[in-house]
Protein backbone atom coordinates (compact mmCIF):
# COMPACT_ATOMS: atom_id res chain seq x y z
CA UNK A 1 -10.94 -21.36 -18.73
CA UNK A 2 -14.10 -19.48 -19.62
CA UNK A 3 -14.15 -15.73 -18.91
CA UNK A 4 -17.51 -13.95 -19.22
CA UNK A 5 -17.79 -10.47 -20.71
CA UNK A 6 -16.99 -7.71 -18.21
CA UNK A 7 -20.09 -5.50 -17.94
CA UNK A 8 -19.86 -1.71 -17.90
CA UNK A 9 -21.41 -1.62 -14.42
CA UNK A 10 -18.95 -4.15 -12.96
CA UNK A 11 -17.85 -1.89 -10.11
CA UNK A 12 -21.45 -1.24 -9.04
CA UNK A 13 -22.19 -4.98 -9.10
CA UNK A 14 -19.04 -5.66 -7.07
CA UNK A 15 -20.17 -3.18 -4.40
CA UNK A 16 -23.63 -4.76 -4.19
CA UNK A 17 -22.77 -8.47 -4.47
CA UNK A 18 -19.23 -8.58 -3.02
CA UNK A 19 -16.48 -10.99 -4.05
CA UNK A 20 -18.77 -13.36 -5.94
CA UNK A 21 -20.60 -10.74 -8.02
CA UNK A 22 -19.36 -12.27 -11.28
CA UNK A 23 -21.21 -15.55 -10.67
CA UNK A 24 -24.48 -13.72 -11.43
CA UNK A 25 -23.35 -12.66 -14.92
CA UNK A 26 -25.05 -14.04 -17.98
CA UNK A 27 -22.56 -16.38 -19.62
CA UNK A 28 -22.42 -19.49 -21.80
CA UNK A 29 -22.33 -22.53 -19.52
CA UNK A 30 -19.12 -24.54 -19.16
CA UNK A 31 -20.50 -27.60 -20.93
CA UNK A 32 -21.31 -25.59 -24.06
CA UNK A 33 -17.93 -23.81 -23.94
CA UNK A 34 -16.20 -27.20 -23.64
CA UNK A 35 -18.07 -28.55 -26.66
CA UNK A 36 -17.15 -25.51 -28.78
CA UNK A 37 -13.48 -25.68 -27.72
CA UNK A 38 -13.22 -29.43 -28.40
CA UNK A 39 -14.86 -29.02 -31.81
CA UNK A 40 -12.48 -26.15 -32.70
CA UNK A 41 -9.39 -28.12 -31.62
CA UNK A 42 -10.31 -31.33 -33.44
CA UNK A 43 -7.84 -31.85 -36.26
CA UNK A 44 -5.49 -29.27 -34.72
CA UNK A 45 -4.54 -30.50 -31.24
CA UNK A 46 -5.88 -34.05 -31.74
CA UNK A 47 -7.48 -36.11 -34.48
CA UNK A 48 -10.54 -37.25 -32.54
CA UNK A 49 -11.98 -36.18 -29.20
CA UNK A 50 -11.86 -39.79 -28.00
CA UNK A 51 -8.12 -39.12 -27.57
CA UNK A 52 -8.82 -36.71 -24.70
CA UNK A 53 -7.66 -38.36 -21.48
CA UNK A 54 -8.25 -35.60 -18.95
CA UNK A 55 -10.14 -32.31 -19.04
CA UNK A 56 -10.50 -29.58 -16.40
CA UNK A 57 -13.08 -26.81 -16.85
CA UNK A 58 -13.11 -23.54 -14.91
CA UNK A 59 -15.00 -20.27 -14.99
CA UNK A 60 -12.71 -17.29 -14.50
CA UNK A 61 -13.11 -13.60 -13.76
CA UNK A 62 -14.82 -11.41 -16.37
CA UNK A 63 -12.65 -9.76 -19.04
CA UNK A 64 -13.63 -6.89 -21.38
CA UNK A 65 -14.69 -8.98 -24.40
CA UNK A 66 -15.03 -12.40 -22.79
CA UNK A 67 -12.60 -15.21 -23.61
CA UNK A 68 -11.93 -18.92 -23.58
CA UNK A 69 -8.39 -20.08 -22.87
CA UNK A 70 -7.31 -23.63 -23.67
CA UNK A 71 -4.12 -25.31 -22.50
CA UNK A 72 -3.22 -28.82 -23.57
CA UNK A 73 -0.37 -31.21 -22.92
CA UNK A 74 0.32 -34.15 -25.23
CA UNK A 75 -0.18 -37.51 -23.52
CA UNK A 76 2.65 -39.99 -24.07
CA UNK A 77 0.41 -43.02 -23.55
CA UNK A 78 2.37 -44.32 -20.57
CA UNK A 79 0.78 -45.38 -17.34
CA UNK A 80 1.85 -43.38 -14.30
């Protein structure tokens, strides 16, 4: 999950734009965040990114310094 940086004027933006104010924030796009996360996890969580079976990308609420959270579950190779 990608969290953009929380701006200092967040409350003002929330009052003007309502519940979806954070969608207007300048932020790295999900595709670029995914690429950076996959590159960083290669050799740690998996040997090669061709081993990735499923991936879900989301943009979350802003946090003070911005963040990317990654959760992974090993795949046992079985067919379900």
